[in-house]
């Protein structure tokens, strides 16, 4: 991927998209194209068509998505499936129509069945039923994978897909209801510290295992996959199963996660667990052997990543409290 190539990053203000832009800039890429939602609505087919025909990017990174935690997925299922399907269909098709041969699609580990064998391999896709709470979002992401595969098969494009595990880090969503577990707990522990609360309660027993990846590692993995030669990529994937898992290959308990955030924030009260609340799946771990064979593995330790996420939260909390 030449540093003079024109690269369009969709979703550049999101957590993953912004990390990818930072890394590309650090590597010396001079022609990174971005648009805010106000400038370009990716659900608008005509607008995306006009944009792609005007810019004609050499590479497209599709990091734009409507995302959220369990509460958001349960509350807005129609928005999650509609907006994600429309964005994927418009960007992928119009990239092809504009002559762009290289695209990277970012998905999610929720594409795998609820009871998939652990660790989850790429081969587990479409082998069983999905987790009901985020099924609309997962189906949209599966459609994105199959769009890339189908365009590759019919038109000879080089469209690739990466499926990250649970992500966290700078530019995360710290909304008190619609965020994922790490930013939600960072905010709750911080507010509990400020109010001198006696305890913070976490849902469930704390025993389920989860895998977490810092967003800078995700950006590094994404750019690494983009930059692989086609022969190398094709040798390690299958035209009918071309997506690649991205994770650390290691997981921790929810209790360990919460204790790490508690220590990073400096909350001195008690950490308790509401065992009347559901635990969810007992374990969700990605098999990352395919990515390791392609020459990449995660490097940011969990405590270091949490410290980084908390410092970003402190520096930016006024902007998302409005």
C-alpha atoms as a PDB file:
ATOM      1  CA  UNK A   1       0.000   0.000   0.000  1.00  0.00           C
ATOM      2  CA  UNK A   2       1.868   3.039  -1.302  1.00  0.00           C
ATOM      3  CA  UNK A   3       1.965   6.153   0.897  1.00  0.00           C
ATOM      4  CA  UNK A   4       0.648   8.151  -2.061  1.00  0.00           C
ATOM      5  CA  UNK A   5      -2.468   5.951  -2.406  1.00  0.00           C
ATOM      6  CA  UNK A   6      -5.795   7.629  -1.768  1.00  0.00           C
ATOM      7  CA  UNK A   7      -7.443   5.934   1.236  1.00  0.00           C
ATOM      8  CA  UNK A   8     -11.038   6.634   2.246  1.00  0.00           C
ATOM      9  CA  UNK A   9     -11.728   5.833   5.903  1.00  0.00           C
ATOM     10  CA  UNK A  10     -15.474   5.635   6.572  1.00  0.00           C
ATOM     11  CA  UNK A  11     -16.207   6.261  10.242  1.00  0.00           C
ATOM     12  CA  UNK A  12     -13.034   8.247  10.922  1.00  0.00           C
ATOM     13  CA  UNK A  13     -14.453   9.876  14.054  1.00  0.00           C
ATOM     14  CA  UNK A  14     -15.381   6.563  15.671  1.00  0.00           C
ATOM     15  CA  UNK A  15     -13.151   4.608  18.025  1.00  0.00           C
ATOM     16  CA  UNK A  16     -11.680   2.241  15.409  1.00  0.00           C
ATOM     17  CA  UNK A  17     -11.737   4.607  12.444  1.00  0.00           C
ATOM     18  CA  UNK A  18      -9.892   7.344  14.329  1.00  0.00           C
ATOM     19  CA  UNK A  19      -7.238   4.855  15.481  1.00  0.00           C
ATOM     20  CA  UNK A  20      -6.728   3.677  11.883  1.00  0.00           C
ATOM     21  CA  UNK A  21      -6.381   7.275  10.662  1.00  0.00           C
ATOM     22  CA  UNK A  22      -3.790   7.998  13.378  1.00  0.00           C
ATOM     23  CA  UNK A  23      -1.767   4.946  12.386  1.00  0.00           C
ATOM     24  CA  UNK A  24      -1.930   5.671   8.651  1.00  0.00           C
ATOM     25  CA  UNK A  25      -0.774   9.232   9.281  1.00  0.00           C
ATOM     26  CA  UNK A  26       2.068   7.942  11.454  1.00  0.00           C
ATOM     27  CA  UNK A  27       3.119   5.647   8.590  1.00  0.00           C
ATOM     28  CA  UNK A  28       3.307   8.621   6.230  1.00  0.00           C
ATOM     29  CA  UNK A  29       0.148   8.186   4.160  1.00  0.00           C
ATOM     30  CA  UNK A  30      -0.537  11.552   2.544  1.00  0.00           C
ATOM     31  CA  UNK A  31      -3.977  11.162   0.968  1.00  0.00           C
ATOM     32  CA  UNK A  32      -6.478  10.069   3.621  1.00  0.00           C
ATOM     33  CA  UNK A  33     -10.038  11.024   2.685  1.00  0.00           C
ATOM     34  CA  UNK A  34     -12.684  11.456   5.378  1.00  0.00           C
ATOM     35  CA  UNK A  35     -16.240  12.747   5.632  1.00  0.00           C
ATOM     36  CA  UNK A  36     -18.375  13.440   8.691  1.00  0.00           C
ATOM     37  CA  UNK A  37     -21.941  12.137   8.849  1.00  0.00           C
ATOM     38  CA  UNK A  38     -23.170  15.689   8.202  1.00  0.00           C
ATOM     39  CA  UNK A  39     -21.066  15.813   5.028  1.00  0.00           C
ATOM     40  CA  UNK A  40     -21.953  12.318   3.784  1.00  0.00           C
ATOM     41  CA  UNK A  41     -24.824  10.099   4.929  1.00  0.00           C
ATOM     42  CA  UNK A  42     -23.664   6.571   4.145  1.00  0.00           C
ATOM     43  CA  UNK A  43     -27.288   5.366   4.165  1.00  0.00           C
ATOM     44  CA  UNK A  44     -27.977   7.635   1.174  1.00  0.00           C
ATOM     45  CA  UNK A  45     -27.184   5.616  -1.950  1.00  0.00           C
ATOM     46  CA  UNK A  46     -27.088   8.571  -4.343  1.00  0.00           C
ATOM     47  CA  UNK A  47     -24.819  10.567  -2.041  1.00  0.00           C
ATOM     48  CA  UNK A  48     -22.383   7.668  -1.638  1.00  0.00           C
ATOM     49  CA  UNK A  49     -22.376   7.102  -5.396  1.00  0.00           C
ATOM     50  CA  UNK A  50     -21.572  10.757  -6.103  1.00  0.00           C
ATOM     51  CA  UNK A  51     -18.839  10.781  -3.450  1.00  0.00           C
ATOM     52  CA  UNK A  52     -17.141   7.614  -4.733  1.00  0.00           C
ATOM     53  CA  UNK A  53     -17.249   8.755  -8.338  1.00  0.00           C
ATOM     54  CA  UNK A  54     -15.726  12.084  -7.370  1.00  0.00           C
ATOM     55  CA  UNK A  55     -12.989  10.802  -5.064  1.00  0.00           C
ATOM     56  CA  UNK A  56     -12.229   7.403  -6.695  1.00  0.00           C
ATOM     57  CA  UNK A  57     -10.214   6.070  -3.733  1.00  0.00           C
ATOM     58  CA  UNK A  58      -7.564   3.385  -4.179  1.00  0.00           C
ATOM     59  CA  UNK A  59      -8.446   1.841  -0.810  1.00  0.00           C
ATOM     60  CA  UNK A  60     -11.588   1.935   1.338  1.00  0.00           C
ATOM     61  CA  UNK A  61     -11.717   1.153   5.059  1.00  0.00           C
ATOM     62  CA  UNK A  62     -15.310   0.554   6.151  1.00  0.00           C
ATOM     63  CA  UNK A  63     -15.154   1.274   9.877  1.00  0.00           C
ATOM     64  CA  UNK A  64     -18.469   3.153   9.996  1.00  0.00           C
ATOM     65  CA  UNK A  65     -21.271   1.381  11.858  1.00  0.00           C
ATOM     66  CA  UNK A  66     -24.091   1.898  14.293  1.00  0.00           C
ATOM     67  CA  UNK A  67     -22.858   0.232  17.473  1.00  0.00           C
ATOM     68  CA  UNK A  68     -23.878  -0.125  21.105  1.00  0.00           C
ATOM     69  CA  UNK A  69     -24.179  -2.436  24.076  1.00  0.00           C
ATOM     70  CA  UNK A  70     -26.929  -4.874  25.052  1.00  0.00           C
ATOM     71  CA  UNK A  71     -29.357  -2.120  26.077  1.00  0.00           C
ATOM     72  CA  UNK A  72     -28.961  -0.257  22.784  1.00  0.00           C
ATOM     73  CA  UNK A  73     -29.231  -3.441  20.696  1.00  0.00           C
ATOM     74  CA  UNK A  74     -32.404  -4.435  22.521  1.00  0.00           C
ATOM     75  CA  UNK A  75     -33.951  -0.975  22.306  1.00  0.00           C
ATOM     76  CA  UNK A  76     -33.158  -0.073  18.684  1.00  0.00           C
ATOM     77  CA  UNK A  77     -33.051  -3.367  16.700  1.00  0.00           C
ATOM     78  CA  UNK A  78     -34.601  -1.851  13.549  1.00  0.00           C
ATOM     79  CA  UNK A  79     -32.062   0.976  13.487  1.00  0.00           C
ATOM     80  CA  UNK A  80     -29.175  -1.424  14.028  1.00  0.00           C
ATOM     81  CA  UNK A  81     -30.054  -3.770  11.172  1.00  0.00           C
ATOM     82  CA  UNK A  82     -31.258  -1.112   8.717  1.00  0.00           C
ATOM     83  CA  UNK A  83     -28.457   1.415   9.103  1.00  0.00           C
ATOM     84  CA  UNK A  84     -25.670  -1.154   9.088  1.00  0.00           C
ATOM     85  CA  UNK A  85     -27.066  -2.994   6.061  1.00  0.00           C
ATOM     86  CA  UNK A  86     -27.486   0.242   4.136  1.00  0.00           C
ATOM     87  CA  UNK A  87     -24.012   1.548   4.944  1.00  0.00           C
ATOM     88  CA  UNK A  88     -22.354  -1.723   3.951  1.00  0.00           C
ATOM     89  CA  UNK A  89     -24.315  -2.174   0.738  1.00  0.00           C
ATOM     90  CA  UNK A  90     -23.797   1.416  -0.380  1.00  0.00           C
ATOM     91  CA  UNK A  91     -20.090   1.683   0.421  1.00  0.00           C
ATOM     92  CA  UNK A  92     -19.089  -1.760  -0.881  1.00  0.00           C
ATOM     93  CA  UNK A  93     -21.078  -1.518  -4.110  1.00  0.00           C
ATOM     94  CA  UNK A  94     -20.117   2.062  -4.875  1.00  0.00           C
ATOM     95  CA  UNK A  95     -16.462   1.303  -4.135  1.00  0.00           C
ATOM     96  CA  UNK A  96     -16.643  -1.390  -6.801  1.00  0.00           C
ATOM     97  CA  UNK A  97     -18.557   0.875  -9.199  1.00  0.00           C
ATOM     98  CA  UNK A  98     -15.889   3.580  -8.854  1.00  0.00           C
ATOM     99  CA  UNK A  99     -13.114   1.122  -9.712  1.00  0.00           C
ATOM    100  CA  UNK A 100     -11.734   0.631  -6.190  1.00  0.00           C
ATOM    101  CA  UNK A 101     -10.125  -2.822  -5.989  1.00  0.00           C
ATOM    102  CA  UNK A 102      -9.114  -2.783  -2.314  1.00  0.00           C
ATOM    103  CA  UNK A 103     -11.511  -2.583   0.653  1.00  0.00           C
ATOM    104  CA  UNK A 104     -11.337  -3.592   4.309  1.00  0.00           C
ATOM    105  CA  UNK A 105     -14.608  -4.302   6.123  1.00  0.00           C
ATOM    106  CA  UNK A 106     -14.705  -4.270   9.924  1.00  0.00           C
ATOM    107  CA  UNK A 107     -17.167  -6.632  11.574  1.00  0.00           C
ATOM    108  CA  UNK A 108     -17.676  -8.001  15.082  1.00  0.00           C
ATOM    109  CA  UNK A 109     -17.247 -11.206  17.065  1.00  0.00           C
ATOM    110  CA  UNK A 110     -21.028 -11.301  17.563  1.00  0.00           C
ATOM    111  CA  UNK A 111     -21.288 -12.869  14.086  1.00  0.00           C
ATOM    112  CA  UNK A 112     -20.603 -16.234  15.714  1.00  0.00           C
ATOM    113  CA  UNK A 113     -23.264 -18.524  17.202  1.00  0.00           C
ATOM    114  CA  UNK A 114     -24.234 -17.988  20.827  1.00  0.00           C
ATOM    115  CA  UNK A 115     -22.944 -21.429  21.808  1.00  0.00           C
ATOM    116  CA  UNK A 116     -19.965 -21.637  19.441  1.00  0.00           C
ATOM    117  CA  UNK A 117     -17.118 -23.870  20.569  1.00  0.00           C
ATOM    118  CA  UNK A 118     -14.335 -21.982  22.350  1.00  0.00           C
ATOM    119  CA  UNK A 119     -12.095 -20.471  21.153  1.00  0.00           C
ATOM    120  CA  UNK A 120     -14.235 -19.370  18.190  1.00  0.00           C
ATOM    121  CA  UNK A 121     -12.706 -20.132  14.800  1.00  0.00           C
ATOM    122  CA  UNK A 122     -13.639 -18.472  11.525  1.00  0.00           C
ATOM    123  CA  UNK A 123     -15.241 -21.783  10.506  1.00  0.00           C
ATOM    124  CA  UNK A 124     -17.938 -21.338  13.190  1.00  0.00           C
ATOM    125  CA  UNK A 125     -19.738 -18.718  11.092  1.00  0.00           C
ATOM    126  CA  UNK A 126     -23.349 -19.703  10.219  1.00  0.00           C
ATOM    127  CA  UNK A 127     -23.153 -23.049  12.047  1.00  0.00           C
ATOM    128  CA  UNK A 128     -25.840 -22.291  14.676  1.00  0.00           C
ATOM    129  CA  UNK A 129     -28.211 -19.637  16.060  1.00  0.00           C
ATOM    130  CA  UNK A 130     -27.014 -16.198  17.151  1.00  0.00           C
ATOM    131  CA  UNK A 131     -27.290 -14.433  20.502  1.00  0.00           C
ATOM    132  CA  UNK A 132     -30.869 -13.030  20.400  1.00  0.00           C
ATOM    133  CA  UNK A 133     -30.083  -9.641  21.975  1.00  0.00           C
ATOM    134  CA  UNK A 134     -27.801  -8.513  19.145  1.00  0.00           C
ATOM    135  CA  UNK A 135     -29.031 -10.720  16.293  1.00  0.00           C
ATOM    136  CA  UNK A 136     -30.058  -7.782  14.018  1.00  0.00           C
ATOM    137  CA  UNK A 137     -26.587  -6.229  14.298  1.00  0.00           C
ATOM    138  CA  UNK A 138     -24.874  -9.597  13.821  1.00  0.00           C
ATOM    139  CA  UNK A 139     -26.908 -10.392  10.705  1.00  0.00           C
ATOM    140  CA  UNK A 140     -25.932  -7.038   9.205  1.00  0.00           C
ATOM    141  CA  UNK A 141     -22.258  -7.758   9.876  1.00  0.00           C
ATOM    142  CA  UNK A 142     -22.549 -11.240   8.367  1.00  0.00           C
ATOM    143  CA  UNK A 143     -24.102  -9.628   5.293  1.00  0.00           C
ATOM    144  CA  UNK A 144     -21.069  -7.337   5.047  1.00  0.00           C
ATOM    145  CA  UNK A 145     -18.700 -10.323   5.034  1.00  0.00           C
ATOM    146  CA  UNK A 146     -20.744 -12.044   2.339  1.00  0.00           C
ATOM    147  CA  UNK A 147     -20.921  -8.851   0.260  1.00  0.00           C
ATOM    148  CA  UNK A 148     -17.118  -8.718   0.222  1.00  0.00           C
ATOM    149  CA  UNK A 149     -16.825 -12.399  -0.628  1.00  0.00           C
ATOM    150  CA  UNK A 150     -19.452 -12.169  -3.367  1.00  0.00           C
ATOM    151  CA  UNK A 151     -17.854  -9.159  -5.055  1.00  0.00           C
ATOM    152  CA  UNK A 152     -14.494 -10.929  -4.930  1.00  0.00           C
ATOM    153  CA  UNK A 153     -15.949 -14.053  -6.526  1.00  0.00           C
ATOM    154  CA  UNK A 154     -17.922 -12.279  -9.255  1.00  0.00           C
ATOM    155  CA  UNK A 155     -15.791  -9.226 -10.005  1.00  0.00           C
ATOM    156  CA  UNK A 156     -12.279 -10.203  -8.906  1.00  0.00           C
ATOM    157  CA  UNK A 157     -11.973  -7.441  -6.313  1.00  0.00           C
ATOM    158  CA  UNK A 158      -9.712  -7.716  -3.259  1.00  0.00           C
ATOM    159  CA  UNK A 159     -12.168  -6.990  -0.447  1.00  0.00           C
ATOM    160  CA  UNK A 160     -11.160  -8.274   2.994  1.00  0.00           C
ATOM    161  CA  UNK A 161     -12.917  -8.557   6.361  1.00  0.00           C
ATOM    162  CA  UNK A 162     -11.611  -8.481   9.918  1.00  0.00           C
ATOM    163  CA  UNK A 163     -13.676  -9.502  12.951  1.00  0.00           C
ATOM    164  CA  UNK A 164     -12.509  -7.894  16.211  1.00  0.00           C
ATOM    165  CA  UNK A 165     -13.223  -9.109  19.703  1.00  0.00           C
ATOM    166  CA  UNK A 166     -14.473  -6.629  22.355  1.00  0.00           C
ATOM    167  CA  UNK A 167     -12.706  -3.306  21.777  1.00  0.00           C
ATOM    168  CA  UNK A 168     -11.937  -0.420  24.134  1.00  0.00           C
ATOM    169  CA  UNK A 169      -9.759   2.679  24.229  1.00  0.00           C
ATOM    170  CA  UNK A 170      -9.692   6.354  23.184  1.00  0.00           C
ATOM    171  CA  UNK A 171     -12.817   7.710  21.445  1.00  0.00           C
ATOM    172  CA  UNK A 172     -14.995   4.981  22.994  1.00  0.00           C
ATOM    173  CA  UNK A 173     -18.661   5.626  23.782  1.00  0.00           C
ATOM    174  CA  UNK A 174     -19.054   6.429  27.493  1.00  0.00           C
ATOM    175  CA  UNK A 175     -22.833   6.889  27.449  1.00  0.00           C
ATOM    176  CA  UNK A 176     -24.296   5.646  30.771  1.00  0.00           C
ATOM    177  CA  UNK A 177     -26.872   3.395  29.042  1.00  0.00           C
ATOM    178  CA  UNK A 178     -25.736   2.687  25.480  1.00  0.00           C
ATOM    179  CA  UNK A 179     -22.037   1.929  25.993  1.00  0.00           C
ATOM    180  CA  UNK A 180     -20.153  -1.357  26.228  1.00  0.00           C
ATOM    181  CA  UNK A 181     -18.952  -2.812  29.514  1.00  0.00           C
ATOM    182  CA  UNK A 182     -15.450  -1.273  29.819  1.00  0.00           C
ATOM    183  CA  UNK A 183     -16.361   2.377  29.105  1.00  0.00           C
ATOM    184  CA  UNK A 184     -19.506   1.975  31.210  1.00  0.00           C
ATOM    185  CA  UNK A 185     -17.478   0.754  34.197  1.00  0.00           C
ATOM    186  CA  UNK A 186     -14.769   3.393  33.722  1.00  0.00           C
ATOM    187  CA  UNK A 187     -17.456   6.051  33.990  1.00  0.00           C
ATOM    188  CA  UNK A 188     -19.249   4.392  36.915  1.00  0.00           C
ATOM    189  CA  UNK A 189     -16.061   3.884  38.951  1.00  0.00           C
ATOM    190  CA  UNK A 190     -14.951   7.457  38.218  1.00  0.00           C
ATOM    191  CA  UNK A 191     -18.297   8.936  39.277  1.00  0.00           C
ATOM    192  CA  UNK A 192     -18.352   6.692  42.358  1.00  0.00           C
ATOM    193  CA  UNK A 193     -14.889   7.973  43.290  1.00  0.00           C
ATOM    194  CA  UNK A 194     -16.000  11.584  42.938  1.00  0.00           C
ATOM    195  CA  UNK A 195     -19.109  11.019  45.065  1.00  0.00           C
ATOM    196  CA  UNK A 196     -17.259   8.922  47.679  1.00  0.00           C
ATOM    197  CA  UNK A 197     -19.698   6.063  47.096  1.00  0.00           C
ATOM    198  CA  UNK A 198     -19.255   3.007  49.269  1.00  0.00           C
ATOM    199  CA  UNK A 199     -19.596   0.466  46.486  1.00  0.00           C
ATOM    200  CA  UNK A 200     -20.022  -0.178  42.773  1.00  0.00           C
ATOM    201  CA  UNK A 201     -22.184  -3.114  41.739  1.00  0.00           C
ATOM    202  CA  UNK A 202     -21.580  -5.154  38.602  1.00  0.00           C
ATOM    203  CA  UNK A 203     -24.238  -7.403  37.090  1.00  0.00           C
ATOM    204  CA  UNK A 204     -23.819 -11.166  37.361  1.00  0.00           C
ATOM    205  CA  UNK A 205     -21.418 -13.384  39.247  1.00  0.00           C
ATOM    206  CA  UNK A 206     -18.238 -12.014  37.695  1.00  0.00           C
ATOM    207  CA  UNK A 207     -17.264 -15.517  36.536  1.00  0.00           C
ATOM    208  CA  UNK A 208     -17.852 -15.300  32.743  1.00  0.00           C
ATOM    209  CA  UNK A 209     -14.704 -15.003  30.623  1.00  0.00           C
ATOM    210  CA  UNK A 210     -14.275 -12.225  28.068  1.00  0.00           C
ATOM    211  CA  UNK A 211     -11.523 -11.108  25.695  1.00  0.00           C
ATOM    212  CA  UNK A 212     -10.646  -7.419  25.278  1.00  0.00           C
ATOM    213  CA  UNK A 213      -8.490  -5.703  22.647  1.00  0.00           C
ATOM    214  CA  UNK A 214      -7.174  -2.144  22.764  1.00  0.00           C
ATOM    215  CA  UNK A 215      -8.261  -0.136  19.734  1.00  0.00           C
ATOM    216  CA  UNK A 216      -4.672   0.754  18.778  1.00  0.00           C
ATOM    217  CA  UNK A 217      -3.957  -2.964  18.459  1.00  0.00           C
ATOM    218  CA  UNK A 218      -7.087  -3.286  16.319  1.00  0.00           C
ATOM    219  CA  UNK A 219      -5.865  -0.489  14.068  1.00  0.00           C
ATOM    220  CA  UNK A 220      -2.457  -2.128  13.738  1.00  0.00           C
ATOM    221  CA  UNK A 221      -4.046  -5.478  12.846  1.00  0.00           C
ATOM    222  CA  UNK A 222      -6.366  -3.830  10.303  1.00  0.00           C
ATOM    223  CA  UNK A 223      -3.560  -2.000   8.512  1.00  0.00           C
ATOM    224  CA  UNK A 224      -1.432  -5.160   8.610  1.00  0.00           C
ATOM    225  CA  UNK A 225      -4.194  -7.153   6.883  1.00  0.00           C
ATOM    226  CA  UNK A 226      -4.715  -4.354   4.335  1.00  0.00           C
ATOM    227  CA  UNK A 227      -1.021  -4.338   3.479  1.00  0.00           C
ATOM    228  CA  UNK A 228      -0.641  -8.085   2.980  1.00  0.00           C
ATOM    229  CA  UNK A 229       0.135  -9.169  -0.556  1.00  0.00           C
ATOM    230  CA  UNK A 230      -2.802 -10.794  -2.306  1.00  0.00           C
ATOM    231  CA  UNK A 231      -0.978 -14.104  -2.686  1.00  0.00           C
ATOM    232  CA  UNK A 232      -0.245 -14.222   1.057  1.00  0.00           C
ATOM    233  CA  UNK A 233      -3.798 -13.280   2.005  1.00  0.00           C
ATOM    234  CA  UNK A 234      -5.398 -15.746  -0.401  1.00  0.00           C
ATOM    235  CA  UNK A 235      -3.125 -18.555   0.777  1.00  0.00           C
ATOM    236  CA  UNK A 236      -4.392 -18.136   4.344  1.00  0.00           C
ATOM    237  CA  UNK A 237      -8.091 -17.645   3.609  1.00  0.00           C
ATOM    238  CA  UNK A 238     -10.874 -19.239   1.581  1.00  0.00           C
ATOM    239  CA  UNK A 239     -13.047 -17.421  -0.997  1.00  0.00           C
ATOM    240  CA  UNK A 240     -16.111 -18.679   0.896  1.00  0.00           C
ATOM    241  CA  UNK A 241     -14.639 -17.984   4.354  1.00  0.00           C
ATOM    242  CA  UNK A 242     -12.370 -14.985   3.953  1.00  0.00           C
ATOM    243  CA  UNK A 243     -12.832 -13.096   7.230  1.00  0.00           C
ATOM    244  CA  UNK A 244     -10.059 -13.007   9.841  1.00  0.00           C
ATOM    245  CA  UNK A 245     -10.478 -12.929  13.621  1.00  0.00           C
ATOM    246  CA  UNK A 246      -8.665 -10.157  15.505  1.00  0.00           C
ATOM    247  CA  UNK A 247      -8.059 -10.485  19.227  1.00  0.00           C
ATOM    248  CA  UNK A 248      -5.473 -11.187  21.893  1.00  0.00           C
ATOM    249  CA  UNK A 249      -6.091 -14.920  22.123  1.00  0.00           C
ATOM    250  CA  UNK A 250      -6.412 -14.512  25.901  1.00  0.00           C
ATOM    251  CA  UNK A 251      -9.419 -13.851  28.115  1.00  0.00           C
ATOM    252  CA  UNK A 252     -10.096 -12.803  31.709  1.00  0.00           C
ATOM    253  CA  UNK A 253     -13.074 -13.013  34.038  1.00  0.00           C
ATOM    254  CA  UNK A 254     -15.527 -10.131  34.354  1.00  0.00           C
ATOM    255  CA  UNK A 255     -14.400  -9.877  37.984  1.00  0.00           C
ATOM    256  CA  UNK A 256     -10.739  -9.477  36.941  1.00  0.00           C
ATOM    257  CA  UNK A 257     -11.750  -6.871  34.374  1.00  0.00           C
ATOM    258  CA  UNK A 258     -13.731  -4.896  36.965  1.00  0.00           C
ATOM    259  CA  UNK A 259     -10.912  -5.089  39.533  1.00  0.00           C
ATOM    260  CA  UNK A 260      -8.434  -3.783  36.947  1.00  0.00           C
ATOM    261  CA  UNK A 261     -10.672  -0.807  36.103  1.00  0.00           C
ATOM    262  CA  UNK A 262     -11.293  -0.138  39.798  1.00  0.00           C
ATOM    263  CA  UNK A 263      -7.533   0.018  40.436  1.00  0.00           C
ATOM    264  CA  UNK A 264      -6.838   2.197  37.374  1.00  0.00           C
ATOM    265  CA  UNK A 265      -9.513   4.709  38.348  1.00  0.00           C
ATOM    266  CA  UNK A 266      -8.472   4.689  42.005  1.00  0.00           C
ATOM    267  CA  UNK A 267     -11.886   3.877  43.467  1.00  0.00           C
ATOM    268  CA  UNK A 268     -11.383   2.745  47.066  1.00  0.00           C
ATOM    269  CA  UNK A 269     -14.875   1.465  47.834  1.00  0.00           C
ATOM    270  CA  UNK A 270     -16.190  -2.075  47.521  1.00  0.00           C
ATOM    271  CA  UNK A 271     -16.783  -3.981  44.303  1.00  0.00           C
ATOM    272  CA  UNK A 272     -19.892  -6.159  44.570  1.00  0.00           C
ATOM    273  CA  UNK A 273     -21.747  -8.454  42.178  1.00  0.00           C
ATOM    274  CA  UNK A 274     -25.508  -8.689  41.736  1.00  0.00           C
ATOM    275  CA  UNK A 275     -25.904 -12.433  41.224  1.00  0.00           C
ATOM    276  CA  UNK A 276     -29.639 -12.028  40.505  1.00  0.00           C
ATOM    277  CA  UNK A 277     -28.679 -10.517  37.150  1.00  0.00           C
ATOM    278  CA  UNK A 278     -27.799 -12.693  34.130  1.00  0.00           C
ATOM    279  CA  UNK A 279     -24.217 -13.627  33.301  1.00  0.00           C
ATOM    280  CA  UNK A 280     -24.647 -14.120  29.573  1.00  0.00           C
ATOM    281  CA  UNK A 281     -22.460 -16.596  27.727  1.00  0.00           C
ATOM    282  CA  UNK A 282     -19.892 -18.272  30.001  1.00  0.00           C
ATOM    283  CA  UNK A 283     -17.038 -17.570  27.583  1.00  0.00           C
ATOM    284  CA  UNK A 284     -16.337 -15.666  24.342  1.00  0.00           C
ATOM    285  CA  UNK A 285     -12.796 -16.107  23.090  1.00  0.00           C
ATOM    286  CA  UNK A 286     -11.526 -15.682  19.529  1.00  0.00           C
ATOM    287  CA  UNK A 287      -9.201 -18.146  17.846  1.00  0.00           C
ATOM    288  CA  UNK A 288      -6.542 -15.827  16.349  1.00  0.00           C
ATOM    289  CA  UNK A 289      -4.240 -18.473  14.907  1.00  0.00           C
ATOM    290  CA  UNK A 290      -5.022 -17.421  11.306  1.00  0.00           C
ATOM    291  CA  UNK A 291      -3.948 -13.836  12.027  1.00  0.00           C
ATOM    292  CA  UNK A 292      -0.837 -15.034  13.864  1.00  0.00           C
ATOM    293  CA  UNK A 293       0.090 -17.135  10.827  1.00  0.00           C
ATOM    294  CA  UNK A 294      -0.218 -13.928   8.782  1.00  0.00           C
ATOM    295  CA  UNK A 295       2.412 -12.275  10.964  1.00  0.00           C
ATOM    296  CA  UNK A 296       0.552 -10.196  13.566  1.00  0.00           C
ATOM    297  CA  UNK A 297      -0.338 -10.476  17.245  1.00  0.00           C
ATOM    298  CA  UNK A 298      -1.544  -8.056  19.919  1.00  0.00           C
ATOM    299  CA  UNK A 299       1.030  -6.214  22.055  1.00  0.00           C
ATOM    300  CA  UNK A 300      -0.858  -3.913  24.481  1.00  0.00           C
ATOM    301  CA  UNK A 301      -1.311  -5.401  27.955  1.00  0.00           C
ATOM    302  CA  UNK A 302      -4.779  -5.027  29.479  1.00  0.00           C
ATOM    303  CA  UNK A 303      -3.806  -2.826  32.448  1.00  0.00           C
ATOM    304  CA  UNK A 304      -1.777  -0.515  30.201  1.00  0.00           C
ATOM    305  CA  UNK A 305      -4.735  -0.282  27.828  1.00  0.00           C
ATOM    306  CA  UNK A 306      -7.161   0.540  30.648  1.00  0.00           C
ATOM    307  CA  UNK A 307      -4.829   3.260  31.942  1.00  0.00           C
ATOM    308  CA  UNK A 308      -4.767   4.762  28.447  1.00  0.00           C
ATOM    309  CA  UNK A 309      -8.562   4.592  28.093  1.00  0.00           C
ATOM    310  CA  UNK A 310      -9.087   6.225  31.501  1.00  0.00           C
ATOM    311  CA  UNK A 311      -6.675   9.065  30.732  1.00  0.00           C
ATOM    312  CA  UNK A 312      -8.539   9.744  27.491  1.00  0.00           C
ATOM    313  CA  UNK A 313     -11.832   9.719  29.423  1.00  0.00           C
ATOM    314  CA  UNK A 314     -10.483  12.283  31.888  1.00  0.00           C
ATOM    315  CA  UNK A 315      -9.224  14.542  29.111  1.00  0.00           C
ATOM    316  CA  UNK A 316     -12.459  14.429  27.125  1.00  0.00           C
ATOM    317  CA  UNK A 317     -15.285  13.905  29.612  1.00  0.00           C
ATOM    318  CA  UNK A 318     -16.653  17.446  29.250  1.00  0.00           C
ATOM    319  CA  UNK A 319     -17.356  16.886  25.547  1.00  0.00           C
ATOM    320  CA  UNK A 320     -19.551  13.849  26.061  1.00  0.00           C
ATOM    321  CA  UNK A 321     -21.270  15.056  29.226  1.00  0.00           C
ATOM    322  CA  UNK A 322     -23.081  17.748  27.239  1.00  0.00           C
END
